[in-house]
């Protein structure tokens, strides 16, 4: 794969991850914190800012992967985590929200 294409794919993946995390945080915030604590709702942009700040403050890099991973394999793993993790959070959050 060409380096420019990989770079563009990484940027697109980062943008998708940021947008998904903001969307998920705004949903979960609205489902649980607004009715429970009486906090104001968050827009997706506000949620993106909060998610970025929290991830910046809590980020820990732990390299547990074998060193023989190729860039494409590692990119695939990051793609799955970036896309699947937010949807699991929304799915389980929605189930809990329905039981409230």
N, C-alpha and C. Protein backbone atom coordinates (compact mmCIF):
# COMPACT_ATOMS: atom_id res chain seq x y z
N UNK A 1 0.83 -1.17 0.00
CA UNK A 1 0.00 0.00 0.00
C UNK A 1 0.88 1.24 0.00
N UNK A 2 0.43 2.26 -0.66
CA UNK A 2 1.20 3.49 -0.74
C UNK A 2 1.14 4.24 0.59
N UNK A 3 2.25 4.86 0.98
CA UNK A 3 2.27 5.58 2.25
C UNK A 3 1.23 6.69 2.34
N UNK A 4 0.97 7.39 1.26
CA UNK A 4 -0.01 8.48 1.29
C UNK A 4 -1.41 7.92 1.55
N UNK A 5 -1.71 6.77 0.97
CA UNK A 5 -3.02 6.15 1.18
C UNK A 5 -3.16 5.67 2.62
N UNK A 6 -2.12 5.09 3.18
CA UNK A 6 -2.15 4.66 4.58
C UNK A 6 -2.30 5.85 5.52
N UNK A 7 -1.62 6.93 5.22
CA UNK A 7 -1.73 8.13 6.03
C UNK A 7 -3.16 8.67 6.00
N UNK A 8 -3.75 8.72 4.81
CA UNK A 8 -5.13 9.20 4.68
C UNK A 8 -6.09 8.27 5.41
N UNK A 9 -5.86 6.97 5.34
CA UNK A 9 -6.71 6.02 6.04
C UNK A 9 -6.60 6.20 7.55
N UNK A 10 -5.40 6.45 8.05
CA UNK A 10 -5.21 6.69 9.49
C UNK A 10 -5.93 7.96 9.92
N UNK A 11 -5.83 9.01 9.15
CA UNK A 11 -6.53 10.25 9.48
C UNK A 11 -8.04 10.06 9.49
N UNK A 12 -8.54 9.33 8.48
CA UNK A 12 -9.98 9.07 8.41
C UNK A 12 -10.43 8.23 9.61
N UNK A 13 -9.64 7.26 9.98
CA UNK A 13 -9.96 6.41 11.12
C UNK A 13 -9.98 7.21 12.42
N UNK A 14 -9.03 8.11 12.57
CA UNK A 14 -9.00 8.96 13.76
C UNK A 14 -10.24 9.85 13.82
N UNK A 15 -10.63 10.43 12.69
CA UNK A 15 -11.82 11.29 12.64
C UNK A 15 -13.07 10.49 12.98
N UNK A 16 -13.20 9.30 12.42
CA UNK A 16 -14.35 8.45 12.71
C UNK A 16 -14.39 8.10 14.19
N UNK A 17 -13.23 7.77 14.76
CA UNK A 17 -13.17 7.44 16.18
C UNK A 17 -13.58 8.60 17.07
N UNK A 18 -13.11 9.78 16.75
CA UNK A 18 -13.46 10.97 17.54
C UNK A 18 -14.96 11.25 17.46
N UNK A 19 -15.53 11.17 16.26
CA UNK A 19 -16.96 11.41 16.09
C UNK A 19 -17.80 10.35 16.80
N UNK A 20 -17.41 9.08 16.67
CA UNK A 20 -18.16 8.02 17.35
C UNK A 20 -18.09 8.16 18.86
N UNK A 21 -16.92 8.47 19.39
CA UNK A 21 -16.80 8.64 20.84
C UNK A 21 -17.64 9.80 21.34
N UNK A 22 -17.68 10.89 20.60
CA UNK A 22 -18.52 12.02 20.99
C UNK A 22 -19.99 11.68 20.94
N UNK A 23 -20.41 10.96 19.91
CA UNK A 23 -21.81 10.55 19.77
C UNK A 23 -22.21 9.63 20.91
N UNK A 24 -21.35 8.65 21.21
CA UNK A 24 -21.65 7.69 22.29
C UNK A 24 -21.72 8.41 23.63
N UNK A 25 -20.77 9.29 23.90
CA UNK A 25 -20.78 10.01 25.18
C UNK A 25 -22.04 10.87 25.30
N UNK A 26 -22.45 11.52 24.23
CA UNK A 26 -23.65 12.36 24.32
C UNK A 26 -24.89 11.51 24.58
N UNK A 27 -24.97 10.32 23.98
CA UNK A 27 -26.10 9.43 24.24
C UNK A 27 -26.10 8.92 25.68
N UNK A 28 -24.97 8.38 26.12
CA UNK A 28 -24.90 7.84 27.47
C UNK A 28 -25.12 8.92 28.52
N UNK A 29 -24.59 10.09 28.28
CA UNK A 29 -24.79 11.22 29.18
C UNK A 29 -26.29 11.55 29.29
N UNK A 30 -26.94 11.61 28.14
CA UNK A 30 -28.37 11.92 28.13
C UNK A 30 -29.22 10.83 28.75
N UNK A 31 -28.83 9.59 28.60
CA UNK A 31 -29.60 8.48 29.16
C UNK A 31 -29.44 8.35 30.66
N UNK A 32 -28.25 8.61 31.18
CA UNK A 32 -27.97 8.30 32.58
C UNK A 32 -27.71 9.51 33.47
N UNK A 33 -26.91 10.45 33.03
CA UNK A 33 -26.53 11.56 33.91
C UNK A 33 -27.57 12.67 33.95
N UNK A 34 -28.24 12.93 32.84
CA UNK A 34 -29.25 13.99 32.82
C UNK A 34 -30.41 13.65 33.75
N UNK A 35 -31.04 12.46 33.61
CA UNK A 35 -32.17 12.18 34.51
C UNK A 35 -31.75 11.87 35.95
N UNK A 36 -30.59 11.27 36.13
CA UNK A 36 -30.17 10.86 37.47
C UNK A 36 -29.66 12.03 38.30
N UNK A 37 -28.82 12.85 37.72
CA UNK A 37 -28.18 13.94 38.46
C UNK A 37 -28.72 15.32 38.10
N UNK A 38 -29.60 15.38 37.10
CA UNK A 38 -30.15 16.66 36.69
C UNK A 38 -29.17 17.55 35.96
N UNK A 39 -28.15 16.95 35.36
CA UNK A 39 -27.16 17.73 34.61
C UNK A 39 -27.71 18.12 33.26
N UNK A 40 -27.19 19.18 32.67
CA UNK A 40 -27.66 19.58 31.33
C UNK A 40 -27.19 18.58 30.28
N UNK A 41 -27.93 18.49 29.20
CA UNK A 41 -27.56 17.63 28.08
C UNK A 41 -26.30 18.16 27.41
N UNK A 42 -25.59 17.27 26.74
CA UNK A 42 -24.40 17.66 26.00
C UNK A 42 -24.64 17.49 24.51
N UNK A 43 -24.15 18.44 23.75
CA UNK A 43 -24.16 18.28 22.30
C UNK A 43 -23.04 17.31 21.90
N UNK A 44 -23.06 16.88 20.67
CA UNK A 44 -22.00 15.97 20.21
C UNK A 44 -20.65 16.68 20.25
N UNK A 45 -20.61 17.97 19.88
CA UNK A 45 -19.34 18.70 19.93
C UNK A 45 -18.81 18.85 21.35
N UNK A 46 -19.70 19.13 22.30
CA UNK A 46 -19.27 19.19 23.69
C UNK A 46 -18.77 17.83 24.16
N UNK A 47 -19.45 16.78 23.74
CA UNK A 47 -19.06 15.42 24.11
C UNK A 47 -17.71 15.05 23.51
N UNK A 48 -17.46 15.49 22.29
CA UNK A 48 -16.16 15.23 21.66
C UNK A 48 -15.06 15.89 22.48
N UNK A 49 -15.28 17.13 22.89
CA UNK A 49 -14.28 17.84 23.70
C UNK A 49 -14.03 17.15 25.02
N UNK A 50 -15.08 16.72 25.69
CA UNK A 50 -14.92 16.03 26.97
C UNK A 50 -14.23 14.69 26.77
N UNK A 51 -14.63 13.94 25.74
CA UNK A 51 -14.00 12.65 25.47
C UNK A 51 -12.52 12.81 25.16
N UNK A 52 -12.17 13.82 24.39
CA UNK A 52 -10.76 14.07 24.08
C UNK A 52 -9.98 14.44 25.33
N UNK A 53 -10.56 15.29 26.18
CA UNK A 53 -9.87 15.69 27.40
C UNK A 53 -9.67 14.49 28.34
N UNK A 54 -10.70 13.68 28.50
CA UNK A 54 -10.59 12.52 29.38
C UNK A 54 -9.59 11.51 28.83
N UNK A 55 -9.65 11.25 27.52
CA UNK A 55 -8.70 10.28 26.96
C UNK A 55 -7.27 10.81 27.02
N UNK A 56 -7.10 12.11 26.90
CA UNK A 56 -5.77 12.70 27.03
C UNK A 56 -5.23 12.53 28.45
N UNK A 57 -6.10 12.72 29.43
CA UNK A 57 -5.68 12.63 30.82
C UNK A 57 -5.48 11.20 31.30
N UNK A 58 -6.18 10.24 30.69
CA UNK A 58 -6.13 8.87 31.19
C UNK A 58 -5.41 7.90 30.27
N UNK A 59 -4.85 8.37 29.18
CA UNK A 59 -4.21 7.49 28.19
C UNK A 59 -2.98 6.82 28.78
N UNK A 60 -2.89 5.51 28.56
CA UNK A 60 -1.72 4.75 28.95
C UNK A 60 -1.36 3.83 27.79
N UNK A 61 -0.15 3.90 27.34
CA UNK A 61 0.30 3.05 26.24
C UNK A 61 0.96 1.81 26.83
N UNK A 62 0.38 0.67 26.53
CA UNK A 62 0.94 -0.60 26.98
C UNK A 62 1.10 -1.46 25.74
N UNK A 63 2.33 -1.74 25.37
CA UNK A 63 2.61 -2.52 24.17
C UNK A 63 2.73 -3.99 24.54
N UNK A 64 1.61 -4.71 24.37
CA UNK A 64 1.60 -6.14 24.68
C UNK A 64 1.57 -6.99 23.43
N UNK A 65 1.56 -6.37 22.27
CA UNK A 65 1.48 -7.11 21.02
C UNK A 65 2.83 -7.68 20.65
N UNK A 66 2.81 -8.84 19.99
CA UNK A 66 4.08 -9.36 19.49
C UNK A 66 4.69 -8.39 18.48
N UNK A 67 5.98 -8.37 18.41
CA UNK A 67 6.67 -7.41 17.55
C UNK A 67 6.59 -7.76 16.07
N UNK A 68 6.04 -8.93 15.73
CA UNK A 68 5.99 -9.32 14.33
C UNK A 68 4.69 -8.89 13.64
N UNK A 69 3.88 -8.04 14.29
CA UNK A 69 2.68 -7.52 13.65
C UNK A 69 3.08 -6.60 12.49
N UNK A 70 2.42 -6.74 11.37
CA UNK A 70 2.64 -5.81 10.28
C UNK A 70 1.80 -4.56 10.51
N UNK A 71 2.10 -3.52 9.78
CA UNK A 71 1.34 -2.29 9.91
C UNK A 71 -0.13 -2.52 9.55
N UNK A 72 -0.39 -3.29 8.54
CA UNK A 72 -1.76 -3.55 8.09
C UNK A 72 -2.53 -4.32 9.15
N UNK A 73 -1.89 -5.31 9.80
CA UNK A 73 -2.56 -6.06 10.86
C UNK A 73 -2.87 -5.16 12.05
N UNK A 74 -1.93 -4.34 12.43
CA UNK A 74 -2.15 -3.42 13.55
C UNK A 74 -3.24 -2.41 13.20
N UNK A 75 -3.23 -1.91 11.96
CA UNK A 75 -4.27 -0.98 11.52
C UNK A 75 -5.64 -1.65 11.58
N UNK A 76 -5.70 -2.92 11.17
CA UNK A 76 -6.97 -3.66 11.23
C UNK A 76 -7.47 -3.80 12.65
N UNK A 77 -6.57 -4.07 13.58
CA UNK A 77 -6.95 -4.18 14.98
C UNK A 77 -7.48 -2.84 15.50
N UNK A 78 -6.81 -1.77 15.17
CA UNK A 78 -7.25 -0.44 15.60
C UNK A 78 -8.60 -0.09 14.97
N UNK A 79 -8.79 -0.49 13.73
CA UNK A 79 -10.07 -0.25 13.05
C UNK A 79 -11.21 -0.94 13.78
N UNK A 80 -11.01 -2.19 14.15
CA UNK A 80 -12.06 -2.94 14.85
C UNK A 80 -12.35 -2.29 16.20
N UNK A 81 -11.32 -1.93 16.94
CA UNK A 81 -11.51 -1.33 18.26
C UNK A 81 -12.20 0.03 18.13
N UNK A 82 -11.81 0.81 17.14
CA UNK A 82 -12.38 2.14 16.96
C UNK A 82 -13.86 2.09 16.59
N UNK A 83 -14.26 1.11 15.79
CA UNK A 83 -15.64 1.03 15.32
C UNK A 83 -16.51 0.20 16.27
N UNK A 84 -16.01 -0.93 16.73
CA UNK A 84 -16.83 -1.87 17.49
C UNK A 84 -17.05 -1.41 18.93
N UNK A 85 -16.02 -0.89 19.58
CA UNK A 85 -16.11 -0.50 21.00
C UNK A 85 -17.23 0.51 21.26
N UNK A 86 -17.36 1.58 20.47
CA UNK A 86 -18.46 2.52 20.71
C UNK A 86 -19.84 1.89 20.54
N UNK A 87 -19.97 0.99 19.57
CA UNK A 87 -21.28 0.38 19.36
C UNK A 87 -21.64 -0.61 20.46
N UNK A 88 -20.66 -1.28 21.04
CA UNK A 88 -20.93 -2.12 22.21
C UNK A 88 -21.39 -1.26 23.37
N UNK A 89 -20.75 -0.12 23.59
CA UNK A 89 -21.14 0.77 24.68
C UNK A 89 -22.57 1.26 24.49
N UNK A 90 -22.92 1.64 23.27
CA UNK A 90 -24.28 2.12 23.01
C UNK A 90 -25.29 0.99 23.17
N UNK A 91 -24.95 -0.19 22.69
CA UNK A 91 -25.87 -1.34 22.78
C UNK A 91 -26.16 -1.69 24.22
N UNK A 92 -25.10 -1.86 25.03
CA UNK A 92 -25.32 -2.22 26.42
C UNK A 92 -25.92 -1.06 27.21
N UNK A 93 -25.54 0.16 26.88
CA UNK A 93 -26.14 1.32 27.53
C UNK A 93 -27.62 1.43 27.22
N UNK A 94 -28.00 1.13 25.99
CA UNK A 94 -29.41 1.17 25.60
C UNK A 94 -30.21 0.12 26.35
N UNK A 95 -29.64 -1.08 26.52
CA UNK A 95 -30.32 -2.13 27.26
C UNK A 95 -30.54 -1.71 28.71
N UNK A 96 -29.52 -1.16 29.33
CA UNK A 96 -29.66 -0.69 30.71
C UNK A 96 -30.66 0.46 30.78
N UNK A 97 -30.63 1.35 29.80
CA UNK A 97 -31.56 2.48 29.75
C UNK A 97 -33.00 1.97 29.67
N UNK A 98 -33.25 0.92 28.90
CA UNK A 98 -34.60 0.37 28.79
C UNK A 98 -35.06 -0.24 30.10
N UNK A 99 -34.15 -0.74 30.91
CA UNK A 99 -34.52 -1.38 32.17
C UNK A 99 -34.75 -0.36 33.29
N UNK A 100 -34.41 0.90 33.06
CA UNK A 100 -34.57 1.92 34.12
C UNK A 100 -36.04 2.30 34.26
